[in-house]
Amino acid sequence: MAQNKEAFLSRWSRLKREQAEDLARPEEPATPAPVLPDIEKLTAESDFSGFMHPKVKEELRRLALKKLFSDPHFKLPDAFEPFSGDWTGGEPITPELLATLNQARSVLFSEEDRRKADEAQAEKKEQPKPDEPGRQDA
């Protein structure tokens, strides 16, 4: 059994020669580069998948994508995207509401303003709330 085995160095040498022969053989391309249409004639409905092939140069791919995304369809904001709208409009926070915010009182107001806000909140707490309809006291 031991006599049938190839010596380690002989085996290593044979494998290295085989590997060098494999590398010396020119590889045939498995998939040819696709035939691409003229970039100027591309529209939004055109097939851009050929430009994504790995053998296509990066500059050509970028030009094709630039042509694709220049379509006005891609400039419309998504209505369901929460950050796509203009949220700068609207009413500012009223001073009464601002006075009820604890952080605003401690950061934005002076000592005198804080006292006034605390007094106003204390007055609100003293006023009884009207009964809610449908609620029964136990």
N, C-alpha and C. Protein backbone atom coordinates (compact mmCIF):
# COMPACT_ATOMS: atom_id res chain seq x y z
N MET A 1 0.81 -1.18 0.00
CA MET A 1 0.00 0.00 0.00
C MET A 1 0.87 1.26 0.00
N ALA A 2 1.92 1.25 0.78
CA ALA A 2 2.81 2.40 0.85
C ALA A 2 3.63 2.55 -0.43
N GLN A 3 3.83 1.45 -1.16
CA GLN A 3 4.61 1.50 -2.38
C GLN A 3 3.84 2.18 -3.52
N ASN A 4 2.50 2.12 -3.50
CA ASN A 4 1.68 2.71 -4.55
C ASN A 4 1.59 4.23 -4.43
N LYS A 5 1.90 4.77 -3.27
CA LYS A 5 1.80 6.21 -3.05
C LYS A 5 2.94 6.93 -3.73
N GLU A 6 2.65 8.08 -4.26
CA GLU A 6 3.65 8.92 -4.91
C GLU A 6 4.39 9.72 -3.83
N ALA A 7 5.65 9.90 -3.98
CA ALA A 7 6.42 10.67 -3.00
C ALA A 7 5.90 12.11 -2.96
N PHE A 8 6.01 12.72 -1.79
CA PHE A 8 5.44 14.05 -1.60
C PHE A 8 6.01 15.07 -2.58
N LEU A 9 7.34 15.13 -2.70
CA LEU A 9 7.96 16.12 -3.58
C LEU A 9 7.65 15.85 -5.05
N SER A 10 7.56 14.59 -5.42
CA SER A 10 7.21 14.26 -6.80
C SER A 10 5.79 14.72 -7.12
N ARG A 11 4.91 14.44 -6.19
CA ARG A 11 3.51 14.85 -6.38
C ARG A 11 3.39 16.38 -6.47
N TRP A 12 4.10 17.06 -5.56
CA TRP A 12 4.07 18.53 -5.55
C TRP A 12 4.59 19.09 -6.86
N SER A 13 5.70 18.53 -7.35
CA SER A 13 6.30 18.98 -8.60
C SER A 13 5.36 18.74 -9.78
N ARG A 14 4.70 17.58 -9.81
CA ARG A 14 3.78 17.28 -10.90
C ARG A 14 2.59 18.24 -10.90
N LEU A 15 2.04 18.51 -9.73
CA LEU A 15 0.89 19.43 -9.64
C LEU A 15 1.27 20.84 -10.05
N LYS A 16 2.45 21.30 -9.70
CA LYS A 16 2.91 22.63 -10.10
C LYS A 16 3.05 22.73 -11.62
N ARG A 17 3.58 21.68 -12.26
CA ARG A 17 3.71 21.68 -13.72
C ARG A 17 2.33 21.72 -14.37
N GLU A 18 1.38 20.94 -13.84
CA GLU A 18 0.03 20.92 -14.40
C GLU A 18 -0.64 22.29 -14.24
N GLN A 19 -0.40 22.90 -13.11
CA GLN A 19 -0.99 24.23 -12.89
C GLN A 19 -0.40 25.25 -13.85
N ALA A 20 0.90 25.18 -14.10
CA ALA A 20 1.54 26.11 -15.03
C ALA A 20 1.01 25.89 -16.45
N GLU A 21 0.77 24.64 -16.82
CA GLU A 21 0.20 24.35 -18.15
C GLU A 21 -1.21 24.90 -18.27
N ASP A 22 -1.99 24.80 -17.20
CA ASP A 22 -3.36 25.32 -17.23
C ASP A 22 -3.36 26.84 -17.37
N LEU A 23 -2.43 27.49 -16.72
CA LEU A 23 -2.35 28.95 -16.80
C LEU A 23 -1.85 29.40 -18.17
N ALA A 24 -1.01 28.59 -18.80
CA ALA A 24 -0.46 28.97 -20.10
C ALA A 24 -1.51 28.88 -21.21
N ARG A 25 -2.51 28.02 -21.04
CA ARG A 25 -3.56 27.90 -22.04
C ARG A 25 -4.43 29.15 -22.04
N PRO A 26 -4.67 29.71 -23.20
CA PRO A 26 -5.54 30.89 -23.22
C PRO A 26 -6.98 30.48 -22.93
N GLU A 27 -7.60 31.24 -22.05
CA GLU A 27 -8.99 30.95 -21.70
C GLU A 27 -9.92 31.56 -22.74
N GLU A 28 -10.90 30.79 -23.11
CA GLU A 28 -11.92 31.31 -24.01
C GLU A 28 -12.97 32.01 -23.16
N PRO A 29 -13.42 33.15 -23.59
CA PRO A 29 -14.42 33.84 -22.78
C PRO A 29 -15.70 33.01 -22.69
N ALA A 30 -16.18 32.86 -21.45
CA ALA A 30 -17.39 32.08 -21.22
C ALA A 30 -18.60 32.80 -21.79
N THR A 31 -18.66 34.10 -21.55
CA THR A 31 -19.78 34.89 -22.07
C THR A 31 -19.19 36.08 -22.81
N PRO A 32 -19.54 36.25 -24.05
CA PRO A 32 -19.01 37.40 -24.78
C PRO A 32 -19.62 38.70 -24.27
N ALA A 33 -18.90 39.78 -24.45
CA ALA A 33 -19.42 41.08 -24.06
C ALA A 33 -20.66 41.39 -24.90
N PRO A 34 -21.68 41.95 -24.29
CA PRO A 34 -22.93 42.19 -25.03
C PRO A 34 -22.77 43.32 -26.06
N VAL A 35 -23.60 43.24 -27.07
CA VAL A 35 -23.64 44.32 -28.08
C VAL A 35 -24.53 45.40 -27.49
N LEU A 36 -23.96 46.60 -27.36
CA LEU A 36 -24.66 47.68 -26.69
C LEU A 36 -25.23 48.68 -27.69
N PRO A 37 -26.42 49.20 -27.41
CA PRO A 37 -26.98 50.23 -28.29
C PRO A 37 -26.28 51.57 -28.06
N ASP A 38 -26.50 52.48 -28.96
CA ASP A 38 -25.92 53.82 -28.85
C ASP A 38 -26.57 54.53 -27.66
N ILE A 39 -25.76 55.17 -26.84
CA ILE A 39 -26.26 55.83 -25.63
C ILE A 39 -27.22 56.97 -25.97
N GLU A 40 -26.99 57.66 -27.07
CA GLU A 40 -27.84 58.78 -27.44
C GLU A 40 -29.26 58.33 -27.81
N LYS A 41 -29.43 57.07 -28.23
CA LYS A 41 -30.73 56.58 -28.65
C LYS A 41 -31.49 55.90 -27.51
N LEU A 42 -30.92 55.84 -26.31
CA LEU A 42 -31.57 55.18 -25.19
C LEU A 42 -32.74 56.01 -24.67
N THR A 43 -33.80 55.33 -24.24
CA THR A 43 -34.95 55.98 -23.60
C THR A 43 -35.18 55.28 -22.26
N ALA A 44 -36.16 55.74 -21.52
CA ALA A 44 -36.46 55.12 -20.22
C ALA A 44 -36.95 53.69 -20.39
N GLU A 45 -37.54 53.38 -21.54
CA GLU A 45 -38.06 52.03 -21.79
C GLU A 45 -37.00 51.08 -22.34
N SER A 46 -35.81 51.58 -22.64
CA SER A 46 -34.74 50.75 -23.20
C SER A 46 -34.25 49.74 -22.16
N ASP A 47 -33.58 48.70 -22.66
CA ASP A 47 -33.00 47.69 -21.79
C ASP A 47 -31.58 48.11 -21.43
N PHE A 48 -31.35 48.38 -20.16
CA PHE A 48 -30.05 48.84 -19.68
C PHE A 48 -29.24 47.70 -19.07
N SER A 49 -29.76 46.48 -19.10
CA SER A 49 -29.07 45.37 -18.44
C SER A 49 -27.73 45.06 -19.10
N GLY A 50 -27.59 45.31 -20.40
CA GLY A 50 -26.32 45.06 -21.07
C GLY A 50 -25.20 45.93 -20.53
N PHE A 51 -25.53 47.11 -20.07
CA PHE A 51 -24.52 48.02 -19.53
C PHE A 51 -24.03 47.59 -18.15
N MET A 52 -24.73 46.65 -17.51
CA MET A 52 -24.33 46.18 -16.19
C MET A 52 -23.40 44.97 -16.26
N HIS A 53 -23.07 44.54 -17.47
CA HIS A 53 -22.18 43.40 -17.65
C HIS A 53 -20.79 43.75 -17.10
N PRO A 54 -20.09 42.79 -16.47
CA PRO A 54 -18.77 43.11 -15.88
C PRO A 54 -17.72 43.53 -16.89
N LYS A 55 -17.88 43.16 -18.17
CA LYS A 55 -16.87 43.51 -19.16
C LYS A 55 -17.08 44.91 -19.75
N VAL A 56 -18.16 45.57 -19.40
CA VAL A 56 -18.42 46.93 -19.88
C VAL A 56 -17.61 47.90 -19.03
N LYS A 57 -16.97 48.85 -19.69
CA LYS A 57 -16.14 49.82 -18.97
C LYS A 57 -17.01 50.65 -18.03
N GLU A 58 -16.39 51.05 -16.93
CA GLU A 58 -17.10 51.83 -15.91
C GLU A 58 -17.62 53.16 -16.45
N GLU A 59 -16.84 53.82 -17.31
CA GLU A 59 -17.26 55.12 -17.87
C GLU A 59 -18.52 54.96 -18.71
N LEU A 60 -18.55 53.90 -19.52
CA LEU A 60 -19.71 53.65 -20.37
C LEU A 60 -20.94 53.32 -19.53
N ARG A 61 -20.75 52.54 -18.47
CA ARG A 61 -21.86 52.20 -17.56
C ARG A 61 -22.42 53.46 -16.91
N ARG A 62 -21.54 54.34 -16.47
CA ARG A 62 -21.99 55.58 -15.82
C ARG A 62 -22.76 56.48 -16.79
N LEU A 63 -22.28 56.54 -18.04
CA LEU A 63 -23.00 57.35 -19.03
C LEU A 63 -24.40 56.81 -19.27
N ALA A 64 -24.52 55.49 -19.34
CA ALA A 64 -25.83 54.88 -19.55
C ALA A 64 -26.75 55.14 -18.36
N LEU A 65 -26.22 55.01 -17.15
CA LEU A 65 -27.04 55.28 -15.97
C LEU A 65 -27.43 56.74 -15.87
N LYS A 66 -26.52 57.62 -16.27
CA LYS A 66 -26.83 59.05 -16.27
C LYS A 66 -27.97 59.34 -17.24
N LYS A 67 -27.94 58.68 -18.39
CA LYS A 67 -29.01 58.85 -19.38
C LYS A 67 -30.33 58.31 -18.82
N LEU A 68 -30.27 57.16 -18.14
CA LEU A 68 -31.48 56.57 -17.57
C LEU A 68 -32.10 57.47 -16.51
N PHE A 69 -31.29 57.96 -15.59
CA PHE A 69 -31.82 58.75 -14.48
C PHE A 69 -32.09 60.20 -14.83
N SER A 70 -31.81 60.61 -16.07
CA SER A 70 -32.17 61.97 -16.48
C SER A 70 -33.65 62.04 -16.87
N ASP A 71 -34.32 60.90 -16.92
CA ASP A 71 -35.74 60.85 -17.24
C ASP A 71 -36.53 61.55 -16.12
N PRO A 72 -37.52 62.39 -16.45
CA PRO A 72 -38.28 63.11 -15.42
C PRO A 72 -39.02 62.19 -14.45
N HIS A 73 -39.26 60.96 -14.87
CA HIS A 73 -39.94 60.00 -14.00
C HIS A 73 -39.19 59.82 -12.68
N PHE A 74 -37.87 59.87 -12.71
CA PHE A 74 -37.07 59.64 -11.52
C PHE A 74 -36.92 60.90 -10.67
N LYS A 75 -37.40 62.03 -11.15
CA LYS A 75 -37.27 63.27 -10.38
C LYS A 75 -38.47 63.52 -9.48
N LEU A 76 -39.53 62.70 -9.62
CA LEU A 76 -40.71 62.86 -8.79
C LEU A 76 -40.45 62.26 -7.42
N PRO A 77 -40.78 62.99 -6.35
CA PRO A 77 -40.58 62.40 -5.02
C PRO A 77 -41.61 61.31 -4.75
N ASP A 78 -41.23 60.36 -3.96
CA ASP A 78 -42.12 59.28 -3.59
C ASP A 78 -43.09 59.81 -2.53
N ALA A 79 -44.37 59.65 -2.79
CA ALA A 79 -45.38 60.17 -1.86
C ALA A 79 -45.36 59.42 -0.54
N PHE A 80 -44.87 58.19 -0.53
CA PHE A 80 -44.87 57.40 0.69
C PHE A 80 -43.56 57.50 1.47
N GLU A 81 -42.62 58.25 0.95
CA GLU A 81 -41.36 58.45 1.66
C GLU A 81 -41.55 59.56 2.68
N PRO A 82 -41.35 59.28 3.97
CA PRO A 82 -41.66 60.29 4.98
C PRO A 82 -40.82 61.55 4.91
N PHE A 83 -39.61 61.47 4.36
CA PHE A 83 -38.75 62.64 4.33
C PHE A 83 -38.75 63.35 2.98
N SER A 84 -39.65 62.96 2.08
CA SER A 84 -39.64 63.57 0.76
C SER A 84 -40.47 64.85 0.70
N GLY A 85 -41.32 65.09 1.66
CA GLY A 85 -42.17 66.27 1.64
C GLY A 85 -41.47 67.49 2.22
N ASP A 86 -42.09 68.64 2.05
CA ASP A 86 -41.57 69.88 2.61
C ASP A 86 -42.26 70.10 3.95
N TRP A 87 -41.54 69.88 5.02
CA TRP A 87 -42.11 70.00 6.36
C TRP A 87 -41.69 71.30 7.03
N THR A 88 -41.20 72.27 6.26
CA THR A 88 -40.77 73.53 6.86
C THR A 88 -41.94 74.47 7.12
N GLY A 89 -43.05 74.25 6.45
CA GLY A 89 -44.22 75.10 6.66
C GLY A 89 -44.95 74.71 7.93
N GLY A 90 -46.01 75.37 8.22
CA GLY A 90 -46.79 75.05 9.40
C GLY A 90 -46.75 76.17 10.41
N GLU A 91 -47.52 75.96 11.43
CA GLU A 91 -47.63 77.00 12.47
C GLU A 91 -46.53 76.81 13.51
N PRO A 92 -45.98 77.91 14.00
CA PRO A 92 -44.96 77.80 15.04
C PRO A 92 -45.61 77.40 16.38
N ILE A 93 -44.80 76.95 17.30
CA ILE A 93 -45.30 76.58 18.62
C ILE A 93 -45.70 77.84 19.37
N THR A 94 -46.88 77.83 19.94
CA THR A 94 -47.37 79.01 20.67
C THR A 94 -46.62 79.14 21.99
N PRO A 95 -46.54 80.35 22.52
CA PRO A 95 -45.85 80.53 23.81
C PRO A 95 -46.51 79.74 24.94
N GLU A 96 -47.84 79.56 24.87
CA GLU A 96 -48.52 78.79 25.93
C GLU A 96 -48.08 77.33 25.90
N LEU A 97 -47.99 76.77 24.71
CA LEU A 97 -47.55 75.39 24.59
C LEU A 97 -46.08 75.28 24.95
N LEU A 98 -45.29 76.23 24.56
CA LEU A 98 -43.87 76.23 24.87
C LEU A 98 -43.65 76.27 26.38
N ALA A 99 -44.50 76.97 27.09
CA ALA A 99 -44.38 77.08 28.54
C ALA A 99 -44.65 75.74 29.21
N THR A 100 -45.43 74.87 28.60
CA THR A 100 -45.74 73.58 29.21
C THR A 100 -44.64 72.54 28.99
N LEU A 101 -43.72 72.81 28.11
CA LEU A 101 -42.65 71.85 27.84
C LEU A 101 -41.54 72.00 28.88
N ASN A 102 -41.24 70.93 29.60
CA ASN A 102 -40.26 70.99 30.69
C ASN A 102 -38.89 71.41 30.20
N GLN A 103 -38.43 70.85 29.09
CA GLN A 103 -37.10 71.18 28.61
C GLN A 103 -37.02 72.63 28.18
N ALA A 104 -38.08 73.16 27.56
CA ALA A 104 -38.08 74.56 27.15
C ALA A 104 -38.01 75.47 28.37
N ARG A 105 -38.71 75.09 29.43
CA ARG A 105 -38.65 75.93 30.64
C ARG A 105 -37.25 75.94 31.22
N SER A 106 -36.59 74.80 31.23
CA SER A 106 -35.28 74.76 31.87
C SER A 106 -34.17 75.34 30.99
N VAL A 107 -34.36 75.33 29.65
CA VAL A 107 -33.30 75.78 28.76
C VAL A 107 -33.55 77.18 28.23
N LEU A 108 -34.78 77.47 27.82
CA LEU A 108 -35.06 78.71 27.11
C LEU A 108 -35.51 79.87 27.99
N PHE A 109 -36.09 79.56 29.12
CA PHE A 109 -36.69 80.63 29.92
C PHE A 109 -35.76 81.10 31.04
N SER A 110 -35.95 82.36 31.44
CA SER A 110 -35.22 82.89 32.58
C SER A 110 -35.94 82.44 33.86
N GLU A 111 -35.37 82.75 35.01
CA GLU A 111 -35.97 82.36 36.30
C GLU A 111 -37.38 82.94 36.44
N GLU A 112 -37.54 84.17 36.06
CA GLU A 112 -38.85 84.83 36.20
C GLU A 112 -39.88 84.15 35.28
N ASP A 113 -39.47 83.87 34.06
CA ASP A 113 -40.38 83.18 33.14
C ASP A 113 -40.72 81.78 33.64
N ARG A 114 -39.78 81.12 34.26
CA ARG A 114 -40.03 79.78 34.80
C ARG A 114 -41.07 79.84 35.91
N ARG A 115 -40.94 80.82 36.77
CA ARG A 115 -41.91 80.96 37.87
C ARG A 115 -43.31 81.21 37.33
N LYS A 116 -43.40 82.08 36.32
CA LYS A 116 -44.71 82.37 35.72
C LYS A 116 -45.31 81.12 35.09
N ALA A 117 -44.48 80.36 34.40
CA ALA A 117 -44.96 79.13 33.76
C ALA A 117 -45.40 78.12 34.80
N ASP A 118 -44.65 78.01 35.91
CA ASP A 118 -45.03 77.08 36.97
C ASP A 118 -46.35 77.49 37.61
N GLU A 119 -46.53 78.79 37.83
CA GLU A 119 -47.79 79.29 38.40
C GLU A 119 -48.96 79.02 37.46
N ALA A 120 -48.76 79.23 36.17
CA ALA A 120 -49.83 78.99 35.21
C ALA A 120 -50.19 77.51 35.17
N GLN A 121 -49.21 76.63 35.29
CA GLN A 121 -49.50 75.20 35.30
C GLN A 121 -50.20 74.80 36.59
N ALA A 122 -49.83 75.42 37.69
CA ALA A 122 -50.49 75.11 38.96
C ALA A 122 -51.95 75.53 38.92
N GLU A 123 -52.26 76.65 38.28
CA GLU A 123 -53.65 77.09 38.15
C GLU A 123 -54.46 76.12 37.30
N LYS A 124 -53.84 75.60 36.27
CA LYS A 124 -54.53 74.64 35.41
C LYS A 124 -54.85 73.36 36.17
N LYS A 125 -53.93 72.92 37.04
CA LYS A 125 -54.15 71.69 37.79
C LYS A 125 -55.27 71.86 38.81
N GLU A 126 -55.44 73.06 39.34
CA GLU A 126 -56.47 73.30 40.36
C GLU A 126 -57.87 73.30 39.75
N GLN A 127 -58.00 73.63 38.48
CA GLN A 127 -59.31 73.66 37.86
C GLN A 127 -59.82 72.24 37.67
N PRO A 128 -61.06 71.97 38.12
CA PRO A 128 -61.60 70.63 37.96
C PRO A 128 -61.91 70.33 36.49
N LYS A 129 -61.68 69.10 36.12
CA LYS A 129 -61.98 68.69 34.76
C LYS A 129 -63.45 68.30 34.67
N PRO A 130 -64.08 68.68 33.58
CA PRO A 130 -65.48 68.25 33.44
C PRO A 130 -65.54 66.73 33.24
N ASP A 131 -66.66 66.16 33.69
CA ASP A 131 -66.82 64.71 33.54
C ASP A 131 -66.86 64.34 32.08
N GLU A 132 -66.29 63.21 31.82
CA GLU A 132 -66.30 62.73 30.45
C GLU A 132 -67.61 61.99 30.21
N PRO A 133 -68.20 62.12 29.03
CA PRO A 133 -69.46 61.43 28.77
C PRO A 133 -69.22 59.91 28.75
N GLY A 134 -70.17 59.20 29.33
CA GLY A 134 -70.08 57.75 29.33
C GLY A 134 -69.24 57.19 30.45
N ARG A 135 -68.63 58.04 31.25
CA ARG A 135 -67.78 57.56 32.35
C ARG A 135 -68.61 57.55 33.62
N GLN A 136 -68.51 56.46 34.34
CA GLN A 136 -69.24 56.36 35.60
C GLN A 136 -68.26 56.24 36.73
N ASP A 137 -68.48 56.99 37.77
CA ASP A 137 -67.62 56.89 38.95
C ASP A 137 -68.00 55.67 39.73
N ALA A 138 -67.04 54.99 40.28
CA ALA A 138 -67.32 53.77 41.03
C ALA A 138 -67.47 54.07 42.49
